[in-house]
Amino acid sequence: QSITYKTATLAASVNPGELPTSYYFEFGLTVAYGSRTPAARLAAGGATVKVTAALTGLRARTRYHFRFVATNLLGTTSGADTAFTTAAAPAVVKPKPVVKPKPVVKPKPPVVRTGAASALTYQSAALRGAVYPSGQPTTYFFEYGPSAKYGHESAVAALPAGTRTVTVTGALSGLVPVTKYHYRLVAVNAAGTALGSDATFTTAAIPLALAIAALPSPATFGGPVSIVGALSGTGAPGRAVILQQNPFPFTAGFQSLGNPELAASTGAFRFDLLSVAVTTQFRVVSAGSSGPVLSPTLTEYVALAVTMHTTSHRTRTGSYSLHFSGVIAPAEAGARVSLQRLAAGRWARVASTSARASSAGQSTYSTTLRRRHGGFFRVRVTPVEGGHVAGIGPARLVHAH
């Protein structure tokens, strides 16, 4: 405390407890007090803050009682009673010429006006308002929440002392989609706190979005394929989605395939296809009155199906003749067939041939290799058209015996 014969500075410590808090000091000649300092305001926070208030116009050599009082949404807390005694008045000296004092302008609290909300998304908003600082350094923030009790605050900002109305803004984030929020502008200076009028805005819905993938990828000719995906956004669970396809050469346009599926509570869905004959573009479109949402286009490549059969016998020179043959589906007459052997962890081509036309929509191949030792072999077939990608047969251990 700084005490003279007619002034004193009161000090206290307060923890706002994560809520906006107002405070003042009560003082007087008894524990009934009877006077109080102007209320001041602290923003929400978890740290203990030291605050002060200046008293003037006190009596000399007089004992005063005072206590600290703080209020937030959880209630009011009063500090313990404390006392001080003012100093004796200074000795009377020769009076100086009387100088007419300048009029004292009593500080005034700020004036605020809550403005409109803009730039609304499903999780953010921009708030506007106006603050007149009343010639005092002023801080301001926006209170907001799901009701007029608010419960949340934007970041606190400061304005210098001034006598002009200033347009201010506050950015909110982390909001809940499709929710009505109340908000108001709050400004604080040394003379008091000003509260703007209550206003509201409603956040937007989360836009629907589709994502899909194919299992397996690439697919093998004649094998099953599943198109899996998820619909996200507001209203996604239970919404119908439709699978569409556009087969190679991708000139026919997308056509719906099968029956619609309903997105699960998580937004997940799945389309199971018995087989895909040719490389095909897929997409999924949502159904409903709010307008369709398209997934990105997914190209599911279809690899040639390749089998491999082997036989071996020993030649007169002591080496072995390894014979490889198999079937390629669908028919790929003229396709390049590469026989590969695993060596040092890599597949290396050891022979090649071309596929020959056959019946039942298939092609065949056959090639012979002379070696002294067996090993792991496989066949890779490169197509001659764009509707399929290279197919690789299963790897097999071939013994030379």
Protein backbone atom coordinates (compact mmCIF):
# COMPACT_ATOMS: atom_id res chain seq x y z
CA GLN A 1 0.00 0.00 0.00
CA SER A 2 1.20 3.55 -0.81
CA ILE A 3 -0.39 5.87 1.78
CA THR A 4 -0.35 9.66 2.17
CA TYR A 5 -2.52 11.90 4.33
CA LYS A 6 -5.33 11.86 1.73
CA THR A 7 -4.56 9.02 -0.74
CA ALA A 8 -3.85 5.34 -0.66
CA THR A 9 -3.19 2.61 -3.22
CA LEU A 10 -4.89 -0.71 -2.49
CA ALA A 11 -3.50 -3.96 -3.88
CA ALA A 12 -4.78 -7.53 -4.11
CA SER A 13 -4.19 -10.76 -6.03
CA VAL A 14 -6.94 -12.60 -7.93
CA ASN A 15 -7.15 -15.75 -10.09
CA PRO A 16 -10.05 -15.41 -12.61
CA GLY A 17 -10.48 -19.18 -12.62
CA GLU A 18 -10.76 -19.39 -16.47
CA LEU A 19 -13.82 -17.04 -16.47
CA PRO A 20 -14.25 -13.31 -17.18
CA THR A 21 -14.08 -11.62 -13.76
CA SER A 22 -14.96 -8.15 -12.46
CA TYR A 23 -13.53 -6.72 -9.25
CA TYR A 24 -13.50 -3.67 -6.93
CA PHE A 25 -12.40 -2.63 -3.42
CA GLU A 26 -14.87 -1.71 -0.66
CA PHE A 27 -13.58 0.85 1.89
CA GLY A 28 -14.78 3.03 4.75
CA LEU A 29 -14.29 4.02 8.37
CA THR A 30 -15.84 0.76 9.69
CA VAL A 31 -16.24 -2.84 8.51
CA ALA A 32 -19.55 -1.68 7.01
CA TYR A 33 -17.36 0.15 4.46
CA GLY A 34 -19.89 2.24 2.54
CA SER A 35 -17.71 3.18 -0.44
CA ARG A 36 -16.18 1.22 -3.31
CA THR A 37 -13.79 1.73 -6.20
CA PRO A 38 -15.04 1.59 -9.82
CA ALA A 39 -15.47 -1.96 -11.05
CA ALA A 40 -12.76 -3.28 -13.38
CA ARG A 41 -12.66 -6.43 -15.47
CA LEU A 42 -10.21 -9.25 -16.10
CA ALA A 43 -10.34 -11.58 -19.08
CA ALA A 44 -10.59 -15.32 -18.49
CA GLY A 45 -7.31 -16.91 -17.44
CA GLY A 46 -5.74 -19.40 -15.09
CA ALA A 47 -2.93 -17.24 -13.71
CA THR A 48 -3.01 -15.19 -10.52
CA VAL A 49 -3.02 -11.47 -11.34
CA LYS A 50 -2.03 -8.55 -9.11
CA VAL A 51 -4.47 -5.60 -9.27
CA THR A 52 -4.50 -2.16 -7.64
CA ALA A 53 -6.90 0.72 -7.08
CA ALA A 54 -6.17 4.30 -6.03
CA LEU A 55 -8.17 6.08 -3.29
CA THR A 56 -8.24 9.86 -3.04
CA GLY A 57 -9.95 12.46 -0.86
CA LEU A 58 -9.21 10.63 2.39
CA ARG A 59 -9.02 12.18 5.84
CA ALA A 60 -5.64 12.71 7.45
CA ARG A 61 -4.67 10.53 10.43
CA THR A 62 -7.74 8.36 9.98
CA ARG A 63 -8.06 4.57 10.16
CA TYR A 64 -9.80 3.03 7.12
CA HIS A 65 -11.06 -0.52 6.60
CA PHE A 66 -11.09 -2.16 3.14
CA ARG A 67 -11.51 -5.51 1.47
CA PHE A 68 -11.23 -6.91 -2.09
CA VAL A 69 -14.35 -8.27 -3.92
CA ALA A 70 -14.27 -10.34 -7.19
CA THR A 71 -17.24 -11.68 -9.20
CA ASN A 72 -17.61 -14.12 -12.14
CA LEU A 73 -20.28 -16.52 -13.39
CA LEU A 74 -19.59 -18.89 -10.48
CA GLY A 75 -20.26 -16.25 -7.81
CA THR A 76 -18.70 -13.51 -5.68
CA THR A 77 -15.66 -13.86 -3.42
CA SER A 78 -14.71 -11.26 -0.75
CA GLY A 79 -11.25 -10.92 0.71
CA ALA A 80 -10.43 -10.52 4.39
CA ASP A 81 -10.91 -7.16 6.07
CA THR A 82 -7.72 -5.08 6.21
CA ALA A 83 -7.07 -1.61 7.65
CA PHE A 84 -4.66 1.27 7.16
CA THR A 85 -4.21 4.71 8.67
CA THR A 86 -3.60 7.83 6.62
CA ALA A 87 -0.61 10.03 7.39
CA ALA A 88 -0.77 13.33 9.24
CA ALA A 89 -1.41 16.40 7.12
CA PRO A 90 1.71 18.40 6.31
CA ALA A 91 2.40 21.53 8.31
CA VAL A 92 0.72 24.68 7.05
CA VAL A 93 3.07 26.78 5.03
CA LYS A 94 2.76 30.22 3.62
CA PRO A 95 -0.11 30.05 1.23
CA LYS A 96 0.71 30.28 -2.39
CA PRO A 97 -1.23 32.37 -4.80
CA VAL A 98 -4.47 30.66 -5.60
CA VAL A 99 -4.43 29.11 -9.04
CA LYS A 100 -7.77 28.18 -10.42
CA PRO A 101 -7.57 24.43 -11.07
CA LYS A 102 -8.42 23.05 -14.41
CA PRO A 103 -11.73 21.20 -14.54
CA VAL A 104 -11.26 17.52 -13.83
CA VAL A 105 -12.83 15.34 -16.49
CA LYS A 106 -14.19 12.21 -14.89
CA PRO A 107 -13.16 9.07 -16.85
CA LYS A 108 -16.03 7.38 -18.64
CA PRO A 109 -16.43 3.72 -19.55
CA PRO A 110 -16.26 2.76 -23.23
CA VAL A 111 -19.27 2.56 -25.53
CA VAL A 112 -19.73 -0.55 -27.68
CA ARG A 113 -21.99 -1.80 -30.47
CA THR A 114 -22.21 -5.48 -31.45
CA GLY A 115 -22.02 -5.94 -35.22
CA ALA A 116 -22.84 -8.72 -37.68
CA ALA A 117 -21.19 -12.11 -38.18
CA SER A 118 -19.70 -12.99 -41.57
CA ALA A 119 -17.49 -15.55 -43.33
CA LEU A 120 -19.52 -18.36 -41.75
CA THR A 121 -18.30 -21.92 -42.29
CA TYR A 122 -19.12 -25.14 -40.47
CA GLN A 123 -16.41 -24.43 -37.89
CA SER A 124 -15.52 -20.73 -37.99
CA ALA A 125 -16.96 -17.21 -38.08
CA ALA A 126 -15.77 -13.59 -38.21
CA LEU A 127 -17.47 -11.13 -35.81
CA ARG A 128 -17.57 -7.35 -36.12
CA GLY A 129 -18.42 -4.48 -33.79
CA ALA A 130 -17.59 -0.89 -32.86
CA VAL A 131 -15.86 0.51 -29.75
CA TYR A 132 -15.66 4.12 -28.53
CA PRO A 133 -12.75 4.16 -26.00
CA SER A 134 -13.98 7.35 -24.24
CA GLY A 135 -10.43 8.68 -24.19
CA GLN A 136 -9.05 5.74 -22.16
CA PRO A 137 -6.83 2.78 -23.12
CA THR A 138 -9.38 0.02 -23.72
CA THR A 139 -9.38 -3.74 -24.22
CA TYR A 140 -12.14 -5.66 -25.99
CA PHE A 141 -13.23 -9.21 -26.84
CA PHE A 142 -16.31 -11.12 -27.97
CA GLU A 143 -18.21 -13.47 -25.68
CA TYR A 144 -19.93 -16.36 -27.49
CA GLY A 145 -21.62 -19.67 -26.80
CA PRO A 146 -24.74 -21.79 -27.47
CA SER A 147 -26.89 -19.53 -25.23
CA ALA A 148 -26.95 -15.96 -23.91
CA LYS A 149 -24.82 -17.20 -21.00
CA TYR A 150 -21.99 -17.46 -23.55
CA GLY A 151 -19.12 -19.28 -21.79
CA HIS A 152 -16.39 -18.66 -24.38
CA GLU A 153 -14.31 -15.63 -25.38
CA SER A 154 -12.37 -14.58 -28.43
CA ALA A 155 -8.80 -13.37 -28.08
CA VAL A 156 -8.45 -10.11 -26.10
CA ALA A 157 -7.23 -7.10 -28.12
CA ALA A 158 -6.27 -3.57 -27.09
CA LEU A 159 -7.10 -0.08 -28.32
CA PRO A 160 -5.16 3.09 -27.40
CA ALA A 161 -6.86 6.03 -25.73
CA GLY A 162 -8.93 7.85 -28.31
CA THR A 163 -12.09 9.80 -29.00
CA ARG A 164 -13.14 8.10 -32.21
CA THR A 165 -15.32 5.05 -32.71
CA VAL A 166 -13.20 2.14 -33.98
CA THR A 167 -14.44 -0.87 -35.97
CA VAL A 168 -13.15 -4.08 -34.38
CA THR A 169 -13.23 -7.75 -35.38
CA GLY A 170 -12.89 -11.15 -33.72
CA ALA A 171 -12.18 -14.54 -35.32
CA LEU A 172 -13.82 -17.67 -33.94
CA SER A 173 -12.77 -21.26 -34.73
CA GLY A 174 -13.48 -24.77 -33.50
CA LEU A 175 -17.26 -24.27 -33.77
CA VAL A 176 -19.85 -27.03 -34.08
CA PRO A 177 -21.58 -27.41 -37.51
CA VAL A 178 -25.26 -26.44 -37.93
CA THR A 179 -25.38 -24.77 -34.48
CA LYS A 180 -26.88 -21.46 -33.37
CA TYR A 181 -24.45 -19.29 -31.41
CA HIS A 182 -25.07 -16.16 -29.29
CA TYR A 183 -22.39 -13.47 -29.08
CA ARG A 184 -21.78 -9.90 -27.89
CA LEU A 185 -18.93 -7.37 -27.84
CA VAL A 186 -17.36 -6.47 -24.48
CA ALA A 187 -14.99 -3.51 -23.86
CA VAL A 188 -13.16 -2.58 -20.64
CA ASN A 189 -11.24 0.53 -19.54
CA ALA A 190 -10.27 2.04 -16.17
CA ALA A 191 -13.73 3.59 -15.75
CA GLY A 192 -15.73 0.41 -16.27
CA THR A 193 -17.04 -2.29 -18.58
CA ALA A 194 -19.43 -1.93 -21.51
CA LEU A 195 -21.50 -4.85 -22.83
CA GLY A 196 -22.86 -4.91 -26.36
CA SER A 197 -26.27 -6.26 -27.26
CA ASP A 198 -26.79 -9.99 -27.84
CA ALA A 199 -26.70 -11.24 -31.45
CA THR A 200 -26.77 -14.69 -33.08
CA PHE A 201 -25.47 -16.63 -36.06
CA THR A 202 -25.77 -20.25 -37.20
CA THR A 203 -22.80 -22.26 -38.51
CA ALA A 204 -23.01 -24.02 -41.87
CA ALA A 205 -23.31 -27.75 -42.50
CA ILE A 206 -20.20 -29.78 -43.29
CA PRO A 207 -20.12 -30.21 -47.09
CA LEU A 208 -20.63 -33.78 -48.28
CA ALA A 209 -17.54 -35.44 -49.76
CA LEU A 210 -16.92 -38.86 -51.29
CA ALA A 211 -13.72 -40.92 -51.38
CA ILE A 212 -13.36 -44.37 -52.96
CA ALA A 213 -10.75 -47.09 -53.47
CA ALA A 214 -10.61 -50.46 -55.25
CA LEU A 215 -9.63 -53.81 -53.74
CA PRO A 216 -7.51 -55.38 -55.11
CA SER A 217 -5.75 -52.91 -57.37
CA PRO A 218 -4.97 -53.83 -60.03
CA ALA A 219 -7.54 -56.58 -60.43
CA THR A 220 -6.87 -59.87 -62.17
CA PHE A 221 -9.03 -60.73 -65.17
CA GLY A 222 -11.92 -62.88 -64.02
CA GLY A 223 -11.33 -62.11 -60.32
CA PRO A 224 -13.64 -60.25 -57.89
CA VAL A 225 -13.32 -56.53 -57.21
CA SER A 226 -14.71 -54.39 -54.37
CA ILE A 227 -15.21 -50.64 -54.59
CA VAL A 228 -15.07 -49.31 -51.03
CA GLY A 229 -15.42 -45.78 -49.82
CA ALA A 230 -16.79 -43.29 -47.33
CA LEU A 231 -19.28 -40.43 -47.49
CA SER A 232 -18.42 -37.65 -45.04
CA GLY A 233 -20.18 -34.47 -44.03
CA THR A 234 -23.47 -33.45 -42.46
CA GLY A 235 -26.24 -35.94 -43.30
CA ALA A 236 -23.88 -38.65 -44.59
CA PRO A 237 -25.11 -41.64 -42.49
CA GLY A 238 -27.95 -43.52 -44.21
CA ARG A 239 -27.65 -41.61 -47.49
CA ALA A 240 -27.88 -43.64 -50.70
CA VAL A 241 -24.86 -43.84 -53.01
CA ILE A 242 -24.71 -45.23 -56.55
CA LEU A 243 -21.77 -46.89 -58.32
CA GLN A 244 -21.10 -45.82 -61.93
CA GLN A 245 -18.66 -47.28 -64.48
CA ASN A 246 -17.06 -46.27 -67.79
CA PRO A 247 -15.15 -49.20 -69.38
CA PHE A 248 -12.10 -48.85 -71.65
CA PRO A 249 -11.74 -47.02 -74.06
CA PHE A 250 -13.69 -44.62 -71.81
CA THR A 251 -15.83 -43.21 -74.63
CA ALA A 252 -19.27 -44.50 -73.61
CA GLY A 253 -19.62 -42.26 -70.55
CA PHE A 254 -20.53 -43.26 -67.01
CA GLN A 255 -23.47 -45.60 -66.48
CA SER A 256 -25.01 -46.70 -63.17
CA LEU A 257 -24.11 -50.23 -62.10
CA GLY A 258 -26.26 -52.38 -59.82
CA ASN A 259 -28.39 -51.15 -56.94
CA PRO A 260 -27.73 -48.18 -54.65
CA GLU A 261 -26.11 -48.80 -51.26
CA LEU A 262 -26.78 -46.93 -48.00
CA ALA A 263 -23.85 -45.34 -46.18
CA ALA A 264 -23.36 -46.80 -42.71
CA SER A 265 -23.41 -44.74 -39.51
CA THR A 266 -19.71 -44.10 -40.11
CA GLY A 267 -20.36 -43.08 -43.73
CA ALA A 268 -18.70 -46.25 -45.08
CA PHE A 269 -20.10 -48.23 -48.05
CA ARG A 270 -19.01 -51.12 -50.29
CA PHE A 271 -19.87 -52.43 -53.77
CA ASP A 272 -18.78 -56.04 -54.51
CA LEU A 273 -18.35 -57.02 -58.17
CA LEU A 274 -17.93 -60.63 -59.29
CA SER A 275 -15.36 -59.61 -61.90
CA VAL A 276 -14.17 -56.74 -64.09
CA ALA A 277 -13.31 -57.79 -67.66
CA VAL A 278 -11.43 -54.70 -68.81
CA THR A 279 -9.75 -51.65 -67.30
CA THR A 280 -12.63 -49.46 -66.10
CA GLN A 281 -13.19 -46.02 -64.65
CA PHE A 282 -15.42 -45.99 -61.55
CA ARG A 283 -17.04 -43.23 -59.57
CA VAL A 284 -19.71 -43.00 -56.88
CA VAL A 285 -22.50 -40.42 -56.80
CA SER A 286 -24.73 -39.59 -53.84
CA ALA A 287 -28.51 -39.62 -54.19
CA GLY A 288 -30.93 -37.24 -52.49
CA SER A 289 -32.85 -34.01 -52.88
CA SER A 290 -29.95 -31.78 -51.77
CA GLY A 291 -28.06 -32.38 -55.00
CA PRO A 292 -25.57 -35.06 -56.07
CA VAL A 293 -21.98 -35.25 -54.84
CA LEU A 294 -19.44 -37.02 -57.05
CA SER A 295 -16.37 -38.89 -55.89
CA PRO A 296 -13.08 -38.50 -57.78
CA THR A 297 -12.80 -40.87 -60.76
CA LEU A 298 -10.95 -44.11 -59.94
CA THR A 299 -9.33 -46.17 -62.70
CA GLU A 300 -9.27 -49.87 -61.88
CA TYR A 301 -6.67 -51.54 -64.08
CA VAL A 302 -7.27 -55.17 -65.01
CA ALA A 303 -4.21 -57.41 -65.38
CA LEU A 304 -4.07 -60.41 -67.69
CA ALA A 305 -4.63 -63.76 -65.97
CA VAL A 306 -1.59 -66.00 -66.53
CA THR A 307 -0.99 -69.65 -65.67
CA MET A 308 2.31 -71.55 -65.86
CA HIS A 309 3.05 -75.30 -66.20
CA THR A 310 6.55 -76.77 -66.23
CA THR A 311 8.27 -80.03 -67.18
CA SER A 312 11.96 -80.89 -67.25
CA HIS A 313 14.26 -83.68 -68.50
CA ARG A 314 18.00 -84.23 -68.65
CA THR A 315 19.83 -83.88 -71.99
CA ARG A 316 22.79 -85.91 -73.27
CA THR A 317 25.16 -83.05 -72.41
CA GLY A 318 24.21 -83.15 -68.74
CA SER A 319 22.10 -79.98 -68.74
CA TYR A 320 18.36 -79.90 -68.28
CA SER A 321 15.63 -78.90 -70.68
CA LEU A 322 12.98 -76.88 -68.81
CA HIS A 323 9.69 -76.47 -70.67
CA PHE A 324 7.26 -73.70 -69.71
CA SER A 325 3.70 -73.34 -71.05
CA GLY A 326 0.43 -71.77 -69.99
CA VAL A 327 -2.78 -69.94 -70.77
CA ILE A 328 -3.44 -66.19 -70.99
CA ALA A 329 -6.91 -64.72 -70.46
CA PRO A 330 -8.42 -62.89 -72.17
CA ALA A 331 -6.96 -63.72 -75.58
CA GLU A 332 -3.83 -61.67 -76.31
CA ALA A 333 -2.44 -63.00 -79.59
CA GLY A 334 0.98 -61.48 -80.20
CA ALA A 335 1.47 -60.38 -76.58
CA ARG A 336 5.06 -60.46 -75.36
CA VAL A 337 5.74 -63.29 -72.92
CA SER A 338 8.82 -62.93 -70.72
CA LEU A 339 10.14 -65.85 -68.69
CA GLN A 340 11.86 -64.48 -65.57
CA ARG A 341 14.12 -66.11 -62.96
CA LEU A 342 14.79 -64.82 -59.44
CA ALA A 343 18.47 -64.05 -58.96
CA ALA A 344 20.10 -62.02 -56.19
CA GLY A 345 16.69 -60.82 -55.06
CA ARG A 346 15.63 -59.51 -58.49
CA TRP A 347 13.62 -60.93 -61.36
CA ALA A 348 15.67 -61.15 -64.57
CA ARG A 349 14.39 -62.13 -68.02
CA VAL A 350 15.92 -65.41 -69.24
CA ALA A 351 13.72 -66.11 -72.28
CA SER A 352 10.87 -64.58 -74.28
CA THR A 353 8.24 -65.58 -76.80
CA SER A 354 4.88 -64.40 -78.14
CA ALA A 355 1.37 -65.53 -77.24
CA ARG A 356 -0.60 -67.54 -79.80
CA ALA A 357 -4.34 -67.39 -80.44
CA SER A 358 -6.40 -70.17 -78.97
CA SER A 359 -10.03 -71.07 -78.46
CA ALA A 360 -12.52 -69.98 -75.78
CA GLY A 361 -11.23 -66.40 -75.68
CA GLN A 362 -7.76 -67.37 -74.48
CA SER A 363 -4.18 -67.42 -75.75
CA THR A 364 -1.35 -69.83 -75.04
CA TYR A 365 2.43 -69.67 -74.87
CA SER A 366 5.27 -72.18 -74.82
CA THR A 367 9.03 -71.89 -74.47
CA THR A 368 11.97 -74.13 -73.57
CA LEU A 369 15.07 -73.22 -71.59
CA ARG A 370 18.30 -75.24 -71.17
CA ARG A 371 19.96 -74.91 -67.77
CA ARG A 372 22.15 -76.91 -65.41
CA HIS A 373 20.18 -75.77 -62.36
CA GLY A 374 16.58 -75.01 -61.51
CA GLY A 375 15.29 -72.03 -59.49
CA PHE A 376 12.28 -69.76 -58.98
CA PHE A 377 10.56 -68.80 -62.24
CA ARG A 378 7.57 -66.74 -63.26
CA VAL A 379 5.97 -65.46 -66.48
CA ARG A 380 5.15 -61.82 -67.26
CA VAL A 381 2.82 -61.08 -70.20
CA THR A 382 2.64 -57.57 -71.70
CA PRO A 383 -0.64 -56.92 -73.64
CA VAL A 384 -0.83 -55.42 -77.10
CA GLU A 385 -3.97 -53.36 -76.42
CA GLY A 386 -4.87 -50.72 -73.81
CA GLY A 387 -7.75 -52.45 -72.09
CA HIS A 388 -5.49 -54.49 -69.82
CA VAL A 389 -2.17 -54.21 -68.05
CA ALA A 390 0.65 -56.72 -67.80
CA GLY A 391 -0.20 -59.94 -66.00
CA ILE A 392 2.25 -61.93 -63.89
CA GLY A 393 1.80 -65.62 -63.22
CA PRO A 394 2.55 -67.21 -59.86
CA ALA A 395 6.20 -67.80 -59.00
CA ARG A 396 7.22 -71.47 -58.81
CA LEU A 397 10.27 -73.38 -57.76
CA VAL A 398 11.36 -75.51 -60.72
CA HIS A 399 13.74 -78.42 -60.02
CA ALA A 400 16.19 -79.62 -62.68
CA HIS A 401 15.91 -83.42 -62.46
